[in-house]
Amino acid sequence: MCGRFTLTAGLREIVERFQVEEHENQAHLPRYNIAPTQEVPVILMAEGQRKLTSMRWGLIPRWAKDPSIGNRLINARSESLTQKPAFRRSFQRYRCLVPADSFYEWKRVDGGKQPIRIMLANEELFAFAGLWDRWDNERGESYQSFTIITTRANEKVKEVHERMPVILHLAEEAAWLDPDWGDPELLSPFLEPYEAEAMTLYPVSKAVNTPKNDQVDLIRPL
């Protein structure tokens, strides 16, 4: 699964890396411990342009009666995207990029669990494959939310956890955002584990266990 990640880049770097053409006037600060239910920068296609907007982490399908369902839908398994009602429509029409530069998983060790930071070996920004949706309450207020797709772990991440988030290659990002790419057979090759040799990982402080902690010390190797 993917339950925590980081986005330590500034707004300008995110806009340049992902060729964003429209973004809300927001002051994005570096984030070192992003957790479910929080507002996160997400990139989608809007009127043919890449738009950077804030969404709540935890997908609330538009048919949901209770928004609390989003607390259980922070991840979507790649193997069941076309079967699960919560994800099927978004997989076909509402895909997004979730900018990040690392994620955390917890490795079982003697005496408990050790948090591990996992990232690309070149330490560059990347995008998780995400799905989003818009939910309206009875007062007509709209909320946008997203989920991160997961797949089986590669050989390196498998040392920590059996699953990992889907990290898209740069060449796949445009097609992933394109609403005309709705055929699961065309999209399924994007959902493979990222190459193990292109990734690195290291243990970090257990302070990352608490979502309210969000400072640079969290990403420093032990």
Protein backbone atom coordinates (compact mmCIF):
# COMPACT_ATOMS: atom_id res chain seq x y z
CA MET A 1 0.00 0.00 0.00
CA CYS A 2 0.99 3.65 0.13
CA GLY A 3 0.00 5.47 3.29
CA ARG A 4 2.55 8.29 3.50
CA PHE A 5 4.67 10.20 1.00
CA THR A 6 6.70 13.37 0.56
CA LEU A 7 6.70 16.31 -1.83
CA THR A 8 9.63 18.45 -0.79
CA ALA A 9 9.78 20.52 -4.00
CA GLY A 10 8.44 24.05 -4.25
CA LEU A 11 5.54 25.15 -6.43
CA ARG A 12 7.74 26.48 -9.23
CA GLU A 13 9.68 23.22 -9.50
CA ILE A 14 6.46 21.19 -9.62
CA VAL A 15 4.98 23.43 -12.33
CA GLU A 16 8.12 23.19 -14.47
CA ARG A 17 8.67 19.45 -14.03
CA PHE A 18 5.09 18.51 -14.96
CA GLN A 19 4.56 21.24 -17.58
CA VAL A 20 1.57 22.61 -15.74
CA GLU A 21 -0.31 25.23 -17.77
CA GLU A 22 -2.82 26.30 -15.13
CA HIS A 23 -2.59 26.32 -11.38
CA GLU A 24 -4.50 27.83 -8.52
CA ASN A 25 -2.86 30.72 -6.73
CA GLN A 26 -1.61 28.55 -3.89
CA ALA A 27 1.52 28.64 -1.76
CA HIS A 28 2.79 25.07 -1.67
CA LEU A 29 5.29 24.46 1.10
CA PRO A 30 7.62 21.42 1.16
CA ARG A 31 5.88 18.41 2.69
CA TYR A 32 7.79 15.67 4.50
CA ASN A 33 4.94 13.50 5.81
CA ILE A 34 1.79 13.66 3.69
CA ALA A 35 -0.98 11.54 5.20
CA PRO A 36 -4.49 10.42 4.15
CA THR A 37 -7.35 12.96 4.40
CA GLN A 38 -4.92 15.85 3.85
CA GLU A 39 -5.08 18.26 0.90
CA VAL A 40 -2.42 17.47 -1.70
CA PRO A 41 -1.37 19.02 -5.05
CA VAL A 42 -2.65 16.86 -7.93
CA ILE A 43 -2.40 17.31 -11.70
CA LEU A 44 -5.32 16.61 -14.05
CA MET A 45 -6.43 17.57 -17.54
CA ALA A 46 -8.96 20.41 -17.75
CA GLU A 47 -10.07 21.75 -21.13
CA GLY A 48 -6.98 20.35 -22.79
CA GLN A 49 -4.52 21.82 -20.29
CA ARG A 50 -2.60 20.40 -17.38
CA LYS A 51 -4.03 21.87 -14.21
CA LEU A 52 -2.51 21.74 -10.75
CA THR A 53 -5.13 21.74 -8.02
CA SER A 54 -5.55 20.60 -4.42
CA MET A 55 -7.47 17.43 -3.62
CA ARG A 56 -8.22 15.41 -0.52
CA TRP A 57 -6.34 12.12 -0.27
CA GLY A 58 -8.96 9.37 -0.03
CA LEU A 59 -11.33 8.89 -2.97
CA ILE A 60 -14.99 9.78 -2.45
CA PRO A 61 -16.91 8.33 -5.42
CA ARG A 62 -19.57 10.63 -6.78
CA TRP A 63 -22.29 8.12 -5.87
CA ALA A 64 -21.23 7.90 -2.21
CA LYS A 65 -23.84 8.75 0.42
CA ASP A 66 -21.25 9.29 3.14
CA PRO A 67 -17.90 11.01 2.46
CA SER A 68 -16.23 8.95 5.17
CA ILE A 69 -15.84 6.17 2.58
CA GLY A 70 -12.82 8.14 1.39
CA ASN A 71 -10.91 7.18 4.54
CA ARG A 72 -10.89 3.60 3.28
CA LEU A 73 -10.05 4.39 -0.35
CA ILE A 74 -6.59 5.93 -0.12
CA ASN A 75 -5.24 3.20 -2.43
CA ALA A 76 -6.65 1.30 -5.40
CA ARG A 77 -5.24 -2.11 -6.33
CA SER A 78 -4.22 -2.18 -9.99
CA GLU A 79 -5.53 -5.73 -10.39
CA SER A 80 -9.15 -4.77 -9.65
CA LEU A 81 -9.58 -1.29 -11.16
CA THR A 82 -12.08 -2.50 -13.76
CA GLN A 83 -14.12 -4.49 -11.24
CA LYS A 84 -14.47 -2.16 -8.26
CA PRO A 85 -17.39 0.31 -8.64
CA ALA A 86 -15.45 2.92 -6.66
CA PHE A 87 -12.65 2.96 -9.24
CA ARG A 88 -14.03 1.71 -12.56
CA ARG A 89 -15.39 5.02 -13.86
CA SER A 90 -12.40 7.06 -12.70
CA PHE A 91 -10.00 4.57 -14.31
CA GLN A 92 -11.71 5.16 -17.63
CA ARG A 93 -12.18 8.92 -17.44
CA TYR A 94 -10.66 10.62 -14.38
CA ARG A 95 -6.98 9.85 -14.06
CA CYS A 96 -4.44 12.16 -12.46
CA LEU A 97 -0.78 12.55 -11.58
CA VAL A 98 0.16 12.76 -7.91
CA PRO A 99 3.54 14.56 -7.66
CA ALA A 100 5.96 13.12 -5.11
CA ASP A 101 9.64 12.54 -4.45
CA SER A 102 9.43 9.59 -2.04
CA PHE A 103 7.10 7.40 -0.04
CA TYR A 104 7.34 5.58 3.27
CA GLU A 105 6.77 1.96 4.14
CA TRP A 106 7.32 0.13 7.43
CA LYS A 107 9.62 -2.88 7.69
CA ARG A 108 9.08 -5.50 10.39
CA VAL A 109 12.13 -5.70 12.65
CA ASP A 110 12.84 -7.01 16.11
CA GLY A 111 10.95 -4.82 18.50
CA GLY A 112 8.43 -3.36 16.06
CA LYS A 113 8.40 -1.65 12.68
CA GLN A 114 11.06 0.57 11.14
CA PRO A 115 9.94 3.33 8.74
CA ILE A 116 11.80 3.29 5.42
CA ARG A 117 11.98 6.11 2.90
CA ILE A 118 11.79 4.88 -0.71
CA MET A 119 12.65 7.07 -3.70
CA LEU A 120 14.23 7.21 -7.14
CA ALA A 121 17.99 6.81 -7.05
CA ASN A 122 18.41 10.15 -8.84
CA GLU A 123 16.21 11.83 -6.17
CA GLU A 124 14.08 13.47 -8.86
CA LEU A 125 10.38 14.29 -8.75
CA PHE A 126 8.03 11.63 -10.10
CA ALA A 127 4.31 10.98 -10.37
CA PHE A 128 2.16 8.31 -8.78
CA ALA A 129 -0.66 7.05 -11.00
CA GLY A 130 -3.83 8.40 -9.41
CA LEU A 131 -7.59 8.41 -9.90
CA TRP A 132 -9.87 11.26 -8.87
CA ASP A 133 -13.55 12.10 -8.61
CA ARG A 134 -15.85 14.95 -7.63
CA TRP A 135 -18.44 14.48 -4.88
CA ASP A 136 -21.35 16.86 -4.22
CA ASN A 137 -23.11 17.04 -0.87
CA GLU A 138 -26.78 17.80 -0.35
CA ARG A 139 -26.01 21.52 -0.10
CA GLY A 140 -24.47 21.49 -3.57
CA GLU A 141 -20.90 21.88 -2.32
CA SER A 142 -18.27 20.04 -4.39
CA TYR A 143 -15.22 18.18 -3.11
CA GLN A 144 -12.45 16.67 -5.22
CA SER A 145 -10.55 13.67 -3.92
CA PHE A 146 -8.06 11.11 -5.21
CA THR A 147 -6.56 7.69 -4.62
CA ILE A 148 -3.11 6.26 -5.44
CA ILE A 149 -2.91 3.05 -7.46
CA THR A 150 -0.74 0.26 -6.08
CA THR A 151 0.85 -2.79 -7.69
CA ARG A 152 3.07 -5.67 -6.60
CA ALA A 153 6.44 -4.61 -5.21
CA ASN A 154 9.64 -4.81 -7.19
CA GLU A 155 12.60 -6.78 -5.81
CA LYS A 156 13.98 -3.87 -3.80
CA VAL A 157 10.71 -2.67 -2.26
CA LYS A 158 9.74 -6.27 -1.55
CA GLU A 159 12.35 -6.26 1.21
CA VAL A 160 10.05 -3.84 3.04
CA HIS A 161 6.50 -4.45 1.79
CA GLU A 162 4.73 -6.70 -0.70
CA ARG A 163 3.12 -3.81 -2.58
CA MET A 164 4.17 -0.40 -3.83
CA PRO A 165 2.54 2.60 -5.48
CA VAL A 166 2.52 2.78 -9.27
CA ILE A 167 5.22 5.24 -10.35
CA LEU A 168 4.75 6.39 -13.93
CA HIS A 169 7.63 6.86 -16.34
CA LEU A 170 7.92 10.34 -17.79
CA ALA A 171 6.94 9.07 -21.24
CA GLU A 172 3.70 7.60 -19.82
CA GLU A 173 2.41 10.69 -18.03
CA ALA A 174 0.77 12.38 -21.03
CA ALA A 175 -1.15 9.26 -22.03
CA TRP A 176 -2.21 8.66 -18.42
CA LEU A 177 -3.79 12.12 -18.30
CA ASP A 178 -5.38 11.85 -21.75
CA PRO A 179 -9.14 11.20 -21.35
CA ASP A 180 -9.18 9.48 -24.75
CA TRP A 181 -7.00 6.69 -23.34
CA GLY A 182 -9.84 4.88 -21.62
CA ASP A 183 -9.12 1.34 -22.81
CA PRO A 184 -7.84 -0.79 -19.89
CA GLU A 185 -5.71 -2.84 -22.30
CA LEU A 186 -3.83 0.32 -23.32
CA LEU A 187 -3.40 1.50 -19.74
CA SER A 188 -2.50 -1.77 -18.04
CA PRO A 189 1.19 -1.70 -19.16
CA PHE A 190 1.59 1.49 -17.11
CA LEU A 191 0.67 -0.36 -13.91
CA GLU A 192 3.80 -2.49 -13.63
CA PRO A 193 6.31 -2.04 -10.75
CA TYR A 194 8.98 0.60 -11.32
CA GLU A 195 12.44 -0.83 -12.00
CA ALA A 196 14.18 -1.84 -8.78
CA GLU A 197 17.61 -0.78 -10.01
CA ALA A 198 16.38 2.81 -10.45
CA MET A 199 15.27 3.10 -6.82
CA THR A 200 16.91 3.46 -3.44
CA LEU A 201 15.73 3.25 0.17
CA TYR A 202 16.96 3.89 3.71
CA PRO A 203 15.61 3.91 7.29
CA VAL A 204 14.35 7.14 8.84
CA SER A 205 13.17 8.36 12.23
CA LYS A 206 10.08 6.82 13.82
CA ALA A 207 8.84 10.37 14.23
CA VAL A 208 7.30 9.87 10.77
CA ASN A 209 4.76 7.56 12.46
CA THR A 210 2.87 10.63 13.71
CA PRO A 211 1.12 12.54 10.88
CA LYS A 212 1.36 15.88 12.68
CA ASN A 213 5.16 15.69 12.35
CA ASP A 214 6.12 17.34 9.06
CA GLN A 215 9.68 18.64 9.14
CA VAL A 216 12.86 18.09 7.16
CA ASP A 217 14.40 15.90 9.87
CA LEU A 218 11.99 13.12 8.88
CA ILE A 219 13.77 12.41 5.59
CA ARG A 220 17.29 12.28 7.01
CA PRO A 221 18.83 8.80 7.05
CA LEU A 222 19.34 7.23 10.45
